[in-house]
């Protein structure tokens, strides 16, 4: 994501989105730039109207709510919850025992 963000920073600053520019932004942010990823990003953005891309992304429909978790995941979550509760009850009992002797 930091590669895309660097391109957006350059664009919003009115600078050309080049390999050197992206590398400089990443370096200033403390990110070691991967030359292949920088090259791929600049190639992918070549000829793209970034303003139009941002507008169309902002107008994209919101995805529907995620599907319910499968039954196996729900069972596993309940089991973990019971185990956590059991452990915490045991710890509480041990702590109370220490109060009385």
PDB file of N, CA and C in Angstrom:
ATOM      1  N   UNK A   1       0.808  -1.190   0.000  1.00  0.00           N
ATOM      2  CA  UNK A   1       0.000   0.000   0.000  1.00  0.00           C
ATOM      3  C   UNK A   1       0.855   1.260   0.000  1.00  0.00           C
ATOM      4  N   UNK A   2       2.011   1.164   0.648  1.00  0.00           N
ATOM      5  CA  UNK A   2       2.844   2.362   0.741  1.00  0.00           C
ATOM      6  C   UNK A   2       3.310   2.838  -0.633  1.00  0.00           C
ATOM      7  N   UNK A   3       3.400   1.927  -1.579  1.00  0.00           N
ATOM      8  CA  UNK A   3       3.804   2.314  -2.929  1.00  0.00           C
ATOM      9  C   UNK A   3       2.701   3.153  -3.585  1.00  0.00           C
ATOM     10  N   UNK A   4       1.478   2.717  -3.425  1.00  0.00           N
ATOM     11  CA  UNK A   4       0.346   3.461  -3.994  1.00  0.00           C
ATOM     12  C   UNK A   4       0.210   4.806  -3.297  1.00  0.00           C
ATOM     13  N   UNK A   5       0.359   4.797  -1.980  1.00  0.00           N
ATOM     14  CA  UNK A   5       0.272   6.057  -1.243  1.00  0.00           C
ATOM     15  C   UNK A   5       1.341   7.042  -1.693  1.00  0.00           C
ATOM     16  N   UNK A   6       2.534   6.541  -1.963  1.00  0.00           N
ATOM     17  CA  UNK A   6       3.594   7.451  -2.410  1.00  0.00           C
ATOM     18  C   UNK A   6       3.234   8.062  -3.757  1.00  0.00           C
ATOM     19  N   UNK A   7       2.621   7.287  -4.629  1.00  0.00           N
ATOM     20  CA  UNK A   7       2.192   7.828  -5.920  1.00  0.00           C
ATOM     21  C   UNK A   7       1.102   8.879  -5.713  1.00  0.00           C
ATOM     22  N   UNK A   8       0.202   8.630  -4.766  1.00  0.00           N
ATOM     23  CA  UNK A   8      -0.867   9.600  -4.493  1.00  0.00           C
ATOM     24  C   UNK A   8      -0.311  10.886  -3.885  1.00  0.00           C
ATOM     25  N   UNK A   9       0.712  10.754  -3.045  1.00  0.00           N
ATOM     26  CA  UNK A   9       1.348  11.942  -2.459  1.00  0.00           C
ATOM     27  C   UNK A   9       1.991  12.777  -3.559  1.00  0.00           C
ATOM     28  N   UNK A  10       2.708  12.118  -4.450  1.00  0.00           N
ATOM     29  CA  UNK A  10       3.340  12.844  -5.554  1.00  0.00           C
ATOM     30  C   UNK A  10       2.285  13.541  -6.414  1.00  0.00           C
ATOM     31  N   UNK A  11       1.222  12.819  -6.720  1.00  0.00           N
ATOM     32  CA  UNK A  11       0.172  13.389  -7.562  1.00  0.00           C
ATOM     33  C   UNK A  11      -0.479  14.591  -6.887  1.00  0.00           C
ATOM     34  N   UNK A  12      -0.804  14.456  -5.599  1.00  0.00           N
ATOM     35  CA  UNK A  12      -1.469  15.572  -4.909  1.00  0.00           C
ATOM     36  C   UNK A  12      -0.547  16.771  -4.745  1.00  0.00           C
ATOM     37  N   UNK A  13       0.771  16.538  -4.765  1.00  0.00           N
ATOM     38  CA  UNK A  13       1.738  17.632  -4.677  1.00  0.00           C
ATOM     39  C   UNK A  13       2.006  18.251  -6.041  1.00  0.00           C
ATOM     40  N   UNK A  14       1.396  17.685  -7.092  1.00  0.00           N
ATOM     41  CA  UNK A  14       1.592  18.221  -8.433  1.00  0.00           C
ATOM     42  C   UNK A  14       2.890  17.776  -9.072  1.00  0.00           C
ATOM     43  N   UNK A  15       3.510  16.756  -8.518  1.00  0.00           N
ATOM     44  CA  UNK A  15       4.776  16.238  -9.054  1.00  0.00           C
ATOM     45  C   UNK A  15       4.492  15.057  -9.976  1.00  0.00           C
ATOM     46  N   UNK A  16       5.359  14.804 -10.932  1.00  0.00           N
ATOM     47  CA  UNK A  16       5.160  13.635 -11.795  1.00  0.00           C
ATOM     48  C   UNK A  16       5.404  12.341 -11.015  1.00  0.00           C
ATOM     49  N   UNK A  17       4.597  11.342 -11.312  1.00  0.00           N
ATOM     50  CA  UNK A  17       4.732  10.045 -10.643  1.00  0.00           C
ATOM     51  C   UNK A  17       5.762   9.233 -11.426  1.00  0.00           C
ATOM     52  N   UNK A  18       6.995   9.273 -10.943  1.00  0.00           N
ATOM     53  CA  UNK A  18       8.106   8.578 -11.593  1.00  0.00           C
ATOM     54  C   UNK A  18       8.740   7.603 -10.616  1.00  0.00           C
ATOM     55  N   UNK A  19       9.585   6.732 -11.154  1.00  0.00           N
ATOM     56  CA  UNK A  19      10.293   5.777 -10.294  1.00  0.00           C
ATOM     57  C   UNK A  19      11.136   6.511  -9.262  1.00  0.00           C
ATOM     58  N   UNK A  20      11.818   7.554  -9.691  1.00  0.00           N
ATOM     59  CA  UNK A  20      12.665   8.317  -8.780  1.00  0.00           C
ATOM     60  C   UNK A  20      11.830   8.997  -7.701  1.00  0.00           C
ATOM     61  N   UNK A  21      10.696   9.547  -8.092  1.00  0.00           N
ATOM     62  CA  UNK A  21       9.820  10.230  -7.130  1.00  0.00           C
ATOM     63  C   UNK A  21       9.263   9.272  -6.090  1.00  0.00           C
ATOM     64  N   UNK A  22       8.774   8.126  -6.550  1.00  0.00           N
ATOM     65  CA  UNK A  22       8.225   7.136  -5.626  1.00  0.00           C
ATOM     66  C   UNK A  22       9.308   6.642  -4.677  1.00  0.00           C
ATOM     67  N   UNK A  23      10.493   6.362  -5.223  1.00  0.00           N
ATOM     68  CA  UNK A  23      11.601   5.901  -4.389  1.00  0.00           C
ATOM     69  C   UNK A  23      11.966   6.949  -3.350  1.00  0.00           C
ATOM     70  N   UNK A  24      11.957   8.214  -3.733  1.00  0.00           N
ATOM     71  CA  UNK A  24      12.294   9.293  -2.796  1.00  0.00           C
ATOM     72  C   UNK A  24      11.265   9.405  -1.679  1.00  0.00           C
ATOM     73  N   UNK A  25       9.980   9.304  -2.029  1.00  0.00           N
ATOM     74  CA  UNK A  25       8.931   9.390  -1.010  1.00  0.00           C
ATOM     75  C   UNK A  25       9.043   8.220  -0.041  1.00  0.00           C
ATOM     76  N   UNK A  26       9.253   7.031  -0.583  1.00  0.00           N
ATOM     77  CA  UNK A  26       9.381   5.856   0.280  1.00  0.00           C
ATOM     78  C   UNK A  26      10.598   5.968   1.192  1.00  0.00           C
ATOM     79  N   UNK A  27      11.705   6.434   0.634  1.00  0.00           N
ATOM     80  CA  UNK A  27      12.921   6.592   1.415  1.00  0.00           C
ATOM     81  C   UNK A  27      12.712   7.605   2.538  1.00  0.00           C
ATOM     82  N   UNK A  28      12.017   8.700   2.237  1.00  0.00           N
ATOM     83  CA  UNK A  28      11.742   9.720   3.249  1.00  0.00           C
ATOM     84  C   UNK A  28      10.841   9.173   4.361  1.00  0.00           C
ATOM     85  N   UNK A  29      10.012   8.193   4.017  1.00  0.00           N
ATOM     86  CA  UNK A  29       9.131   7.581   5.009  1.00  0.00           C
ATOM     87  C   UNK A  29       9.817   6.445   5.766  1.00  0.00           C
ATOM     88  N   UNK A  30      11.048   6.143   5.398  1.00  0.00           N
ATOM     89  CA  UNK A  30      11.782   5.090   6.081  1.00  0.00           C
ATOM     90  C   UNK A  30      11.501   3.702   5.550  1.00  0.00           C
ATOM     91  N   UNK A  31      11.010   3.626   4.301  1.00  0.00           N
ATOM     92  CA  UNK A  31      10.698   2.334   3.686  1.00  0.00           C
ATOM     93  C   UNK A  31      11.764   2.019   2.644  1.00  0.00           C
ATOM     94  N   UNK A  32      12.296   0.818   2.694  1.00  0.00           N
ATOM     95  CA  UNK A  32      13.255   0.384   1.682  1.00  0.00           C
ATOM     96  C   UNK A  32      12.469   0.030   0.420  1.00  0.00           C
ATOM     97  N   UNK A  33      12.697   0.784  -0.635  1.00  0.00           N
ATOM     98  CA  UNK A  33      11.938   0.594  -1.872  1.00  0.00           C
ATOM     99  C   UNK A  33      12.446  -0.601  -2.665  1.00  0.00           C
ATOM    100  N   UNK A  34      11.520  -1.417  -3.118  1.00  0.00           N
ATOM    101  CA  UNK A  34      11.831  -2.548  -3.989  1.00  0.00           C
ATOM    102  C   UNK A  34      11.733  -2.033  -5.429  1.00  0.00           C
ATOM    103  N   UNK A  35      12.851  -2.057  -6.149  1.00  0.00           N
ATOM    104  CA  UNK A  35      12.891  -1.496  -7.503  1.00  0.00           C
ATOM    105  C   UNK A  35      11.866  -2.133  -8.423  1.00  0.00           C
ATOM    106  N   UNK A  36      11.658  -3.420  -8.302  1.00  0.00           N
ATOM    107  CA  UNK A  36      10.702  -4.114  -9.171  1.00  0.00           C
ATOM    108  C   UNK A  36       9.280  -3.640  -8.905  1.00  0.00           C
ATOM    109  N   UNK A  37       8.935  -3.448  -7.644  1.00  0.00           N
ATOM    110  CA  UNK A  37       7.586  -2.975  -7.316  1.00  0.00           C
ATOM    111  C   UNK A  37       7.376  -1.538  -7.774  1.00  0.00           C
ATOM    112  N   UNK A  38       8.411  -0.709  -7.616  1.00  0.00           N
ATOM    113  CA  UNK A  38       8.326   0.679  -8.068  1.00  0.00           C
ATOM    114  C   UNK A  38       8.134   0.721  -9.573  1.00  0.00           C
ATOM    115  N   UNK A  39       8.915  -0.082 -10.287  1.00  0.00           N
ATOM    116  CA  UNK A  39       8.828  -0.130 -11.744  1.00  0.00           C
ATOM    117  C   UNK A  39       7.444  -0.625 -12.180  1.00  0.00           C
ATOM    118  N   UNK A  40       6.921  -1.639 -11.501  1.00  0.00           N
ATOM    119  CA  UNK A  40       5.603  -2.182 -11.836  1.00  0.00           C
ATOM    120  C   UNK A  40       4.506  -1.147 -11.596  1.00  0.00           C
ATOM    121  N   UNK A  41       4.616  -0.404 -10.513  1.00  0.00           N
ATOM    122  CA  UNK A  41       3.616   0.619 -10.210  1.00  0.00           C
ATOM    123  C   UNK A  41       3.627   1.732 -11.251  1.00  0.00           C
ATOM    124  N   UNK A  42       4.808   2.221 -11.591  1.00  0.00           N
ATOM    125  CA  UNK A  42       4.863   3.302 -12.581  1.00  0.00           C
ATOM    126  C   UNK A  42       4.357   2.813 -13.938  1.00  0.00           C
ATOM    127  N   UNK A  43       4.638   1.566 -14.279  1.00  0.00           N
ATOM    128  CA  UNK A  43       4.138   1.011 -15.538  1.00  0.00           C
ATOM    129  C   UNK A  43       2.617   0.891 -15.506  1.00  0.00           C
ATOM    130  N   UNK A  44       2.075   0.474 -14.352  1.00  0.00           N
ATOM    131  CA  UNK A  44       0.623   0.323 -14.230  1.00  0.00           C
ATOM    132  C   UNK A  44      -0.083   1.670 -14.265  1.00  0.00           C
ATOM    133  N   UNK A  45       0.567   2.716 -13.779  1.00  0.00           N
ATOM    134  CA  UNK A  45      -0.058   4.039 -13.735  1.00  0.00           C
ATOM    135  C   UNK A  45       0.153   4.847 -15.013  1.00  0.00           C
ATOM    136  N   UNK A  46       0.966   4.330 -15.903  1.00  0.00           N
ATOM    137  CA  UNK A  46       1.238   5.039 -17.147  1.00  0.00           C
ATOM    138  C   UNK A  46      -0.056   5.204 -17.947  1.00  0.00           C
ATOM    139  N   UNK A  47      -0.392   6.438 -18.252  1.00  0.00           N
ATOM    140  CA  UNK A  47      -1.594   6.729 -19.029  1.00  0.00           C
ATOM    141  C   UNK A  47      -2.879   6.745 -18.217  1.00  0.00           C
ATOM    142  N   UNK A  48      -2.783   6.564 -16.910  1.00  0.00           N
ATOM    143  CA  UNK A  48      -3.970   6.568 -16.053  1.00  0.00           C
ATOM    144  C   UNK A  48      -4.216   7.987 -15.551  1.00  0.00           C
ATOM    145  N   UNK A  49      -5.474   8.430 -15.643  1.00  0.00           N
ATOM    146  CA  UNK A  49      -5.864   9.712 -15.070  1.00  0.00           C
ATOM    147  C   UNK A  49      -6.158   9.452 -13.597  1.00  0.00           C
ATOM    148  N   UNK A  50      -5.236   9.839 -12.731  1.00  0.00           N
ATOM    149  CA  UNK A  50      -5.343   9.519 -11.305  1.00  0.00           C
ATOM    150  C   UNK A  50      -6.553  10.196 -10.680  1.00  0.00           C
ATOM    151  N   UNK A  51      -6.856  11.417 -11.097  1.00  0.00           N
ATOM    152  CA  UNK A  51      -8.026  12.106 -10.552  1.00  0.00           C
ATOM    153  C   UNK A  51      -9.310  11.331 -10.853  1.00  0.00           C
ATOM    154  N   UNK A  52      -9.442  10.844 -12.074  1.00  0.00           N
ATOM    155  CA  UNK A  52     -10.619  10.056 -12.452  1.00  0.00           C
ATOM    156  C   UNK A  52     -10.658   8.730 -11.693  1.00  0.00           C
ATOM    157  N   UNK A  53      -9.512   8.110 -11.510  1.00  0.00           N
ATOM    158  CA  UNK A  53      -9.444   6.849 -10.775  1.00  0.00           C
ATOM    159  C   UNK A  53      -9.882   7.045  -9.329  1.00  0.00           C
ATOM    160  N   UNK A  54      -9.480   8.156  -8.724  1.00  0.00           N
ATOM    161  CA  UNK A  54      -9.878   8.443  -7.343  1.00  0.00           C
ATOM    162  C   UNK A  54     -11.377   8.696  -7.276  1.00  0.00           C
ATOM    163  N   UNK A  55     -11.915   9.445  -8.235  1.00  0.00           N
ATOM    164  CA  UNK A  55     -13.351   9.719  -8.250  1.00  0.00           C
ATOM    165  C   UNK A  55     -14.144   8.426  -8.387  1.00  0.00           C
ATOM    166  N   UNK A  56     -13.745   7.570  -9.296  1.00  0.00           N
ATOM    167  CA  UNK A  56     -14.489   6.330  -9.511  1.00  0.00           C
ATOM    168  C   UNK A  56     -14.360   5.403  -8.314  1.00  0.00           C
ATOM    169  N   UNK A  57     -13.223   5.434  -7.628  1.00  0.00           N
ATOM    170  CA  UNK A  57     -13.055   4.600  -6.431  1.00  0.00           C
ATOM    171  C   UNK A  57     -13.924   5.125  -5.298  1.00  0.00           C
ATOM    172  N   UNK A  58     -14.051   6.445  -5.205  1.00  0.00           N
ATOM    173  CA  UNK A  58     -14.869   7.042  -4.149  1.00  0.00           C
ATOM    174  C   UNK A  58     -16.347   6.761  -4.378  1.00  0.00           C
ATOM    175  N   UNK A  59     -16.740   6.541  -5.629  1.00  0.00           N
ATOM    176  CA  UNK A  59     -18.139   6.317  -5.941  1.00  0.00           C
ATOM    177  C   UNK A  59     -18.481   4.829  -6.038  1.00  0.00           C
ATOM    178  N   UNK A  60     -17.517   3.970  -5.814  1.00  0.00           N
ATOM    179  CA  UNK A  60     -17.754   2.524  -5.918  1.00  0.00           C
ATOM    180  C   UNK A  60     -18.741   2.092  -4.848  1.00  0.00           C
ATOM    181  N   UNK A  61     -19.643   1.192  -5.187  1.00  0.00           N
ATOM    182  CA  UNK A  61     -20.625   0.745  -4.194  1.00  0.00           C
ATOM    183  C   UNK A  61     -19.951  -0.013  -3.054  1.00  0.00           C
ATOM    184  N   UNK A  62     -20.533   0.124  -1.896  1.00  0.00           N
ATOM    185  CA  UNK A  62     -20.004  -0.558  -0.721  1.00  0.00           C
ATOM    186  C   UNK A  62     -20.403  -2.024  -0.803  1.00  0.00           C
ATOM    187  N   UNK A  63     -19.477  -2.889  -0.486  1.00  0.00           N
ATOM    188  CA  UNK A  63     -19.745  -4.324  -0.541  1.00  0.00           C
ATOM    189  C   UNK A  63     -20.795  -4.698   0.496  1.00  0.00           C
ATOM    190  N   UNK A  64     -21.543  -5.736   0.204  1.00  0.00           N
ATOM    191  CA  UNK A  64     -22.558  -6.219   1.134  1.00  0.00           C
ATOM    192  C   UNK A  64     -21.889  -6.743   2.398  1.00  0.00           C
ATOM    193  N   UNK A  65     -22.666  -6.896   3.430  1.00  0.00           N
ATOM    194  CA  UNK A  65     -22.144  -7.393   4.702  1.00  0.00           C
ATOM    195  C   UNK A  65     -21.510  -8.765   4.491  1.00  0.00           C
ATOM    196  N   UNK A  66     -20.430  -9.050   5.204  1.00  0.00           N
ATOM    197  CA  UNK A  66     -19.770 -10.337   5.023  1.00  0.00           C
ATOM    198  C   UNK A  66     -20.697 -11.482   5.424  1.00  0.00           C
ATOM    199  N   UNK A  67     -20.479 -12.608   4.806  1.00  0.00           N
ATOM    200  CA  UNK A  67     -21.291 -13.788   5.099  1.00  0.00           C
ATOM    201  C   UNK A  67     -21.027 -14.261   6.519  1.00  0.00           C
ATOM    202  N   UNK A  68     -21.995 -14.942   7.072  1.00  0.00           N
ATOM    203  CA  UNK A  68     -21.845 -15.462   8.427  1.00  0.00           C
ATOM    204  C   UNK A  68     -20.715 -16.477   8.467  1.00  0.00           C
ATOM    205  N   UNK A  69     -20.079 -16.565   9.612  1.00  0.00           N
ATOM    206  CA  UNK A  69     -18.968 -17.509   9.779  1.00  0.00           C
ATOM    207  C   UNK A  69     -19.502 -18.935   9.719  1.00  0.00           C
ATOM    208  N   UNK A  70     -18.747 -19.834   9.139  1.00  0.00           N
ATOM    209  CA  UNK A  70     -19.166 -21.237   9.094  1.00  0.00           C
ATOM    210  C   UNK A  70     -19.351 -21.801  10.503  1.00  0.00           C
ATOM    211  N   UNK A  71     -20.136 -22.846  10.605  1.00  0.00           N
ATOM    212  CA  UNK A  71     -20.461 -23.439  11.902  1.00  0.00           C
ATOM    213  C   UNK A  71     -19.213 -23.893  12.652  1.00  0.00           C
ATOM    214  N   UNK A  72     -18.232 -24.437  11.947  1.00  0.00           N
ATOM    215  CA  UNK A  72     -17.012 -24.913  12.607  1.00  0.00           C
ATOM    216  C   UNK A  72     -16.282 -23.772  13.313  1.00  0.00           C
ATOM    217  N   UNK A  73     -16.239 -22.619  12.672  1.00  0.00           N
ATOM    218  CA  UNK A  73     -15.568 -21.473  13.281  1.00  0.00           C
ATOM    219  C   UNK A  73     -16.335 -21.001  14.508  1.00  0.00           C
ATOM    220  N   UNK A  74     -17.658 -21.033  14.437  1.00  0.00           N
ATOM    221  CA  UNK A  74     -18.463 -20.617  15.584  1.00  0.00           C
ATOM    222  C   UNK A  74     -18.246 -21.554  16.760  1.00  0.00           C
ATOM    223  N   UNK A  75     -18.192 -22.865  16.484  1.00  0.00           N
ATOM    224  CA  UNK A  75     -17.962 -23.843  17.544  1.00  0.00           C
ATOM    225  C   UNK A  75     -16.601 -23.625  18.185  1.00  0.00           C
ATOM    226  N   UNK A  76     -15.595 -23.369  17.372  1.00  0.00           N
ATOM    227  CA  UNK A  76     -14.248 -23.150  17.888  1.00  0.00           C
ATOM    228  C   UNK A  76     -14.205 -21.901  18.765  1.00  0.00           C
ATOM    229  N   UNK A  77     -14.904 -20.859  18.342  1.00  0.00           N
ATOM    230  CA  UNK A  77     -14.926 -19.623  19.120  1.00  0.00           C
ATOM    231  C   UNK A  77     -15.613 -19.840  20.459  1.00  0.00           C
ATOM    232  N   UNK A  78     -16.717 -20.603  20.468  1.00  0.00           N
ATOM    233  CA  UNK A  78     -17.425 -20.881  21.716  1.00  0.00           C
ATOM    234  C   UNK A  78     -16.547 -21.706  22.651  1.00  0.00           C
ATOM    235  N   UNK A  79     -15.829 -22.689  22.092  1.00  0.00           N
ATOM    236  CA  UNK A  79     -14.960 -23.538  22.895  1.00  0.00           C
ATOM    237  C   UNK A  79     -13.859 -22.707  23.549  1.00  0.00           C
ATOM    238  N   UNK A  80     -13.249 -21.795  22.771  1.00  0.00           N
ATOM    239  CA  UNK A  80     -12.203 -20.936  23.311  1.00  0.00           C
ATOM    240  C   UNK A  80     -12.753 -20.043  24.415  1.00  0.00           C
ATOM    241  N   UNK A  81     -13.957 -19.542  24.201  1.00  0.00           N
ATOM    242  CA  UNK A  81     -14.574 -18.664  25.187  1.00  0.00           C
ATOM    243  C   UNK A  81     -14.810 -19.419  26.496  1.00  0.00           C
ATOM    244  N   UNK A  82     -15.290 -20.668  26.394  1.00  0.00           N
ATOM    245  CA  UNK A  82     -15.522 -21.481  27.588  1.00  0.00           C
ATOM    246  C   UNK A  82     -14.211 -21.757  28.304  1.00  0.00           C
ATOM    247  N   UNK A  83     -13.146 -22.072  27.541  1.00  0.00           N
ATOM    248  CA  UNK A  83     -11.855 -22.348  28.148  1.00  0.00           C
ATOM    249  C   UNK A  83     -11.312 -21.118  28.854  1.00  0.00           C
ATOM    250  N   UNK A  84     -11.457 -19.939  28.238  1.00  0.00           N
ATOM    251  CA  UNK A  84     -10.985 -18.707  28.862  1.00  0.00           C
ATOM    252  C   UNK A  84     -11.753 -18.443  30.149  1.00  0.00           C
ATOM    253  N   UNK A  85     -13.063 -18.676  30.118  1.00  0.00           N
ATOM    254  CA  UNK A  85     -13.885 -18.446  31.293  1.00  0.00           C
ATOM    255  C   UNK A  85     -13.501 -19.404  32.403  1.00  0.00           C
ATOM    256  N   UNK A  86     -13.256 -20.673  32.055  1.00  0.00           N
ATOM    257  CA  UNK A  86     -12.883 -21.683  33.032  1.00  0.00           C
ATOM    258  C   UNK A  86     -11.554 -21.333  33.683  1.00  0.00           C
ATOM    259  N   UNK A  87     -10.600 -20.931  32.902  1.00  0.00           N
ATOM    260  CA  UNK A  87      -9.294 -20.560  33.430  1.00  0.00           C
ATOM    261  C   UNK A  87      -9.427 -19.363  34.350  1.00  0.00           C
ATOM    262  N   UNK A  88     -10.194 -18.389  33.959  1.00  0.00           N
ATOM    263  CA  UNK A  88     -10.314 -17.191  34.785  1.00  0.00           C
ATOM    264  C   UNK A  88     -11.029 -17.499  36.097  1.00  0.00           C
ATOM    265  N   UNK A  89     -12.003 -18.426  36.100  1.00  0.00           N
ATOM    266  CA  UNK A  89     -12.676 -18.820  37.336  1.00  0.00           C
ATOM    267  C   UNK A  89     -11.702 -19.546  38.263  1.00  0.00           C
ATOM    268  N   UNK A  90     -10.862 -20.413  37.695  1.00  0.00           N
ATOM    269  CA  UNK A  90      -9.873 -21.124  38.497  1.00  0.00           C
ATOM    270  C   UNK A  90      -8.872 -20.164  39.111  1.00  0.00           C
ATOM    271  N   UNK A  91      -8.446 -19.197  38.324  1.00  0.00           N
ATOM    272  CA  UNK A  91      -7.500 -18.207  38.841  1.00  0.00           C
ATOM    273  C   UNK A  91      -8.123 -17.385  39.943  1.00  0.00           C
ATOM    274  N   UNK A  92      -9.394 -17.041  39.775  1.00  0.00           N
ATOM    275  CA  UNK A  92     -10.084 -16.261  40.810  1.00  0.00           C
ATOM    276  C   UNK A  92     -10.194 -17.059  42.086  1.00  0.00           C
ATOM    277  N   UNK A  93     -10.513 -18.345  41.991  1.00  0.00           N
ATOM    278  CA  UNK A  93     -10.628 -19.183  43.181  1.00  0.00           C
ATOM    279  C   UNK A  93      -9.273 -19.303  43.880  1.00  0.00           C
ATOM    280  N   UNK A  94      -8.213 -19.459  43.121  1.00  0.00           N
ATOM    281  CA  UNK A  94      -6.880 -19.549  43.713  1.00  0.00           C
ATOM    282  C   UNK A  94      -6.524 -18.251  44.423  1.00  0.00           C
ATOM    283  N   UNK A  95      -6.902 -17.146  43.842  1.00  0.00           N
ATOM    284  CA  UNK A  95      -6.619 -15.855  44.454  1.00  0.00           C
ATOM    285  C   UNK A  95      -7.377 -15.674  45.761  1.00  0.00           C
ATOM    286  N   UNK A  96      -8.629 -16.128  45.800  1.00  0.00           N
ATOM    287  CA  UNK A  96      -9.422 -16.027  47.025  1.00  0.00           C
ATOM    288  C   UNK A  96      -8.860 -16.922  48.120  1.00  0.00           C
ATOM    289  N   UNK A  97      -8.375 -18.098  47.734  1.00  0.00           N
ATOM    290  CA  UNK A  97      -7.777 -18.997  48.720  1.00  0.00           C
ATOM    291  C   UNK A  97      -6.573 -18.378  49.393  1.00  0.00           C
ATOM    292  N   UNK A  98      -5.824 -17.587  48.660  1.00  0.00           N
ATOM    293  CA  UNK A  98      -4.648 -16.950  49.209  1.00  0.00           C
ATOM    294  C   UNK A  98      -5.017 -15.893  50.253  1.00  0.00           C
ATOM    295  N   UNK A  99      -6.205 -15.334  50.165  1.00  0.00           N
ATOM    296  CA  UNK A  99      -6.641 -14.336  51.126  1.00  0.00           C
ATOM    297  C   UNK A  99      -6.890 -14.937  52.514  1.00  0.00           C
ATOM    298  N   UNK A 100      -7.304 -16.204  52.536  1.00  0.00           N
ATOM    299  CA  UNK A 100      -7.698 -16.815  53.802  1.00  0.00           C
ATOM    300  C   UNK A 100      -6.662 -17.770  54.381  1.00  0.00           C
ATOM    301  N   UNK A 101      -5.506 -17.696  53.921  1.00  0.00           N
ATOM    302  CA  UNK A 101      -4.539 -18.516  54.613  1.00  0.00           C
ATOM    303  C   UNK A 101      -3.652 -19.232  53.735  1.00  0.00           C
TER     304      UNK A 101
END
